[in-house]
Structure formats: C-alpha cells, structure tokens
C-alpha cells in the first residue's frame, strides 16, 4: 500500500520517457510532402511566378520547418524580387539548420553584394571555400558576383547627397 504511489510514479515516468522519443524523426530526414512542395515552388520560381512560388515554399515550411531547401527557395524568390535584405535573413534561417550549407552561404553572399555589403560577402566566400575544400561552382559564382560588385542603383543609394550650395 505504501509503495503504490511510488510504483505509479515510476511507471508514469517510464511511460513518458518511452513516448517522448517515439514518433520523432532525425534532423536529416525531411518530410516527403515538404520536399514535394519545395520542388513545386522551385518550378514556379523558375517560371517567374513569384507569388505562387512563395506560397508553395511557405507551405513546405509549414509541413516541415527543418526544410532548409525551402528557406533557400524563399531567399531566391526575394532576390528575384530585388529584396536582398529579406533574402539575407532567409539564408540565415537555412544556415541555422546547417551552418556549412554552401548553397545558403553562396546565396547569402550574392544577396550581400546585391545589398552593397561586399566585405561581408567576401567573408561568406571564404566560408564557402573552406566548406568545399576544392573548387566548386558556388564559390565561382560568388566570386564572380563580388568581382562584378553591387548594382548601380545600390551604389547610388549609398552615396551621400551633395550639400546644397549656399547662395549669397
């Protein structure tokens, strides 16, 4: 009689521990429905249907928030819409999941160049080179983007306005 509450507590603890791990997937296993939605979103992006691509990629993230490919796809949509700040943040979300993802690092570097932050893009290029260990297309495309430099409208926006001339 005295041991019944203790036995029930121990049994409850074991039942809880056993069910906590049951049904969870490893981090590297993405829900197949999320992958299918991501692929549909990428096809819509390639077709230039940005709003539909965004909807599909966001749905992929709802199905499985660990799908870093969907974050990268959303970042590419943002870059295509000339929203580099948003793209940088989305690439950062993908890098939280896998810090050495060369596609996310290179994409973020290109968005940084588009934003005018060339020095930060060079830091990403170094990370890409370290992750690749050999020549890879991501490093080549990021190096080309850095060499090309930011778009003219970004440079014009960063220049200070000339001071108005004083009239006598």
Protein backbone atom coordinates (compact mmCIF):
# COMPACT_ATOMS: atom_id res chain seq x y z
CA UNK A 1 0.00 0.00 0.00
CA UNK A 2 2.78 2.43 0.85
CA UNK A 3 4.68 1.55 -2.31
CA UNK A 4 1.72 2.02 -4.68
CA UNK A 5 2.20 5.81 -5.21
CA UNK A 6 5.93 5.30 -5.77
CA UNK A 7 5.35 2.46 -8.21
CA UNK A 8 2.77 4.53 -10.11
CA UNK A 9 5.17 7.48 -10.29
CA UNK A 10 7.99 5.31 -11.63
CA UNK A 11 5.66 3.66 -14.16
CA UNK A 12 4.40 7.06 -15.31
CA UNK A 13 7.97 8.34 -15.69
CA UNK A 14 8.95 5.33 -17.80
CA UNK A 15 5.85 5.65 -19.96
CA UNK A 16 6.56 9.34 -20.56
CA UNK A 17 10.21 8.76 -21.43
CA UNK A 18 9.34 5.97 -23.84
CA UNK A 19 6.75 8.05 -25.68
CA UNK A 20 8.92 11.18 -25.94
CA UNK A 21 11.31 9.68 -28.46
CA UNK A 22 8.68 7.69 -30.31
CA UNK A 23 7.48 9.38 -33.47
CA UNK A 24 10.30 11.91 -33.79
CA UNK A 25 12.41 11.86 -36.93
CA UNK A 26 16.11 12.51 -37.15
CA UNK A 27 17.13 16.01 -38.20
CA UNK A 28 18.39 14.89 -41.61
CA UNK A 29 15.10 13.25 -42.60
CA UNK A 30 12.72 15.82 -44.11
CA UNK A 31 9.01 15.09 -44.52
CA UNK A 32 8.49 13.87 -48.15
CA UNK A 33 5.42 16.12 -48.61
CA UNK A 34 7.57 19.13 -47.72
CA UNK A 35 10.16 18.13 -50.32
CA UNK A 36 7.46 17.74 -52.99
CA UNK A 37 6.02 21.17 -52.16
CA UNK A 38 9.53 22.68 -52.24
CA UNK A 39 10.15 21.21 -55.71
CA UNK A 40 6.85 22.64 -56.96
CA UNK A 41 7.83 26.03 -55.52
CA UNK A 42 11.19 25.92 -57.26
CA UNK A 43 9.47 25.13 -60.57
CA UNK A 44 7.17 28.12 -60.07
CA UNK A 45 10.19 30.29 -59.28
CA UNK A 46 11.88 29.17 -62.48
CA UNK A 47 8.70 30.11 -64.36
CA UNK A 48 8.77 33.59 -62.80
CA UNK A 49 5.58 33.08 -60.76
CA UNK A 50 6.95 34.57 -57.56
CA UNK A 51 3.74 34.82 -55.53
CA UNK A 52 2.76 31.22 -56.25
CA UNK A 53 6.33 30.08 -55.56
CA UNK A 54 6.30 31.90 -52.22
CA UNK A 55 3.01 30.25 -51.27
CA UNK A 56 4.27 26.79 -52.16
CA UNK A 57 7.61 27.23 -50.36
CA UNK A 58 5.94 28.63 -47.24
CA UNK A 59 3.58 25.64 -47.24
CA UNK A 60 6.62 23.35 -47.44
CA UNK A 61 7.96 25.03 -44.31
CA UNK A 62 4.65 24.59 -42.50
CA UNK A 63 4.78 20.86 -43.28
CA UNK A 64 8.40 20.60 -42.09
CA UNK A 65 10.17 23.65 -40.62
CA UNK A 66 13.56 21.90 -40.92
CA UNK A 67 13.46 22.02 -44.73
CA UNK A 68 16.36 24.37 -45.38
CA UNK A 69 15.86 23.99 -49.14
CA UNK A 70 12.54 25.78 -48.75
CA UNK A 71 14.28 28.65 -46.92
CA UNK A 72 16.82 28.84 -49.74
CA UNK A 73 14.00 28.83 -52.30
CA UNK A 74 12.23 31.68 -50.50
CA UNK A 75 15.50 33.61 -50.40
CA UNK A 76 15.92 33.17 -54.16
CA UNK A 77 12.39 34.47 -54.68
CA UNK A 78 13.28 37.52 -52.56
CA UNK A 79 16.43 38.11 -54.60
CA UNK A 80 14.48 37.85 -57.84
CA UNK A 81 12.09 40.47 -56.47
CA UNK A 82 15.11 42.69 -55.62
CA UNK A 83 14.64 42.29 -51.85
CA UNK A 84 18.19 41.43 -50.75
CA UNK A 85 17.60 42.23 -47.08
CA UNK A 86 14.79 39.71 -46.88
CA UNK A 87 16.91 37.17 -48.79
CA UNK A 88 19.81 37.59 -46.36
CA UNK A 89 17.50 36.81 -43.43
CA UNK A 90 16.04 33.74 -45.14
CA UNK A 91 19.52 32.42 -45.96
CA UNK A 92 20.39 32.96 -42.28
CA UNK A 93 17.44 30.73 -41.31
CA UNK A 94 18.79 27.99 -43.58
CA UNK A 95 22.25 28.44 -42.06
CA UNK A 96 20.81 27.99 -38.56
CA UNK A 97 19.80 24.49 -39.62
CA UNK A 98 23.12 23.69 -41.36
CA UNK A 99 25.89 26.28 -40.89
CA UNK A 100 28.07 24.79 -43.65
CA UNK A 101 25.45 24.69 -46.42
CA UNK A 102 27.43 26.02 -49.39
CA UNK A 103 24.28 26.89 -51.34
CA UNK A 104 22.99 29.05 -48.49
CA UNK A 105 26.39 30.64 -47.88
CA UNK A 106 26.88 31.46 -51.56
CA UNK A 107 23.32 32.72 -51.98
CA UNK A 108 23.64 34.90 -48.90
CA UNK A 109 26.93 36.23 -50.25
CA UNK A 110 25.28 37.17 -53.54
CA UNK A 111 22.44 38.89 -51.67
CA UNK A 112 25.03 40.77 -49.60
CA UNK A 113 26.66 42.00 -52.81
CA UNK A 114 23.23 42.99 -54.13
CA UNK A 115 22.77 44.95 -50.89
CA UNK A 116 26.22 46.56 -51.18
CA UNK A 117 27.93 44.66 -48.31
CA UNK A 118 30.86 43.37 -50.35
CA UNK A 119 33.18 42.82 -47.36
CA UNK A 120 30.64 40.54 -45.68
CA UNK A 121 30.19 38.72 -48.99
CA UNK A 122 33.95 38.09 -49.09
CA UNK A 123 33.69 36.51 -45.63
CA UNK A 124 30.99 34.21 -46.99
CA UNK A 125 33.23 33.36 -49.94
CA UNK A 126 35.94 32.24 -47.52
CA UNK A 127 33.42 30.04 -45.69
CA UNK A 128 32.29 28.53 -48.99
CA UNK A 129 35.90 27.78 -49.95
CA UNK A 130 36.52 26.14 -46.57
CA UNK A 131 33.36 24.03 -46.87
CA UNK A 132 34.10 22.94 -50.46
CA UNK A 133 37.80 22.17 -49.91
CA UNK A 134 38.14 22.07 -53.72
CA UNK A 135 36.84 24.30 -56.49
CA UNK A 136 33.04 24.32 -56.52
CA UNK A 137 30.51 26.20 -58.66
CA UNK A 138 29.09 28.06 -55.64
CA UNK A 139 32.49 29.61 -54.89
CA UNK A 140 32.98 30.51 -58.55
CA UNK A 141 29.57 32.22 -58.88
CA UNK A 142 30.01 34.12 -55.60
CA UNK A 143 33.50 35.26 -56.62
CA UNK A 144 32.05 36.48 -59.94
CA UNK A 145 29.28 38.38 -58.13
CA UNK A 146 31.82 40.02 -55.83
CA UNK A 147 34.02 40.97 -58.80
CA UNK A 148 31.02 42.47 -60.59
CA UNK A 149 30.08 44.46 -57.49
CA UNK A 150 26.74 45.80 -56.31
CA UNK A 151 24.14 47.07 -58.78
CA UNK A 152 24.36 50.72 -59.82
CA UNK A 153 21.14 51.65 -58.00
CA UNK A 154 22.57 50.27 -54.74
CA UNK A 155 25.75 52.33 -55.17
CA UNK A 156 23.72 55.44 -55.96
CA UNK A 157 21.60 54.94 -52.85
CA UNK A 158 24.71 54.60 -50.68
CA UNK A 159 26.31 57.86 -51.85
CA UNK A 160 25.57 60.85 -49.64
CA UNK A 161 23.58 63.65 -51.19
CA UNK A 162 25.72 66.65 -52.12
CA UNK A 163 25.31 69.59 -49.80
CA UNK A 164 23.22 72.40 -51.28
CA UNK A 165 25.27 75.36 -52.41
CA UNK A 166 24.88 78.46 -50.30
CA UNK A 167 23.58 81.46 -52.21
CA UNK A 168 24.94 84.91 -51.45
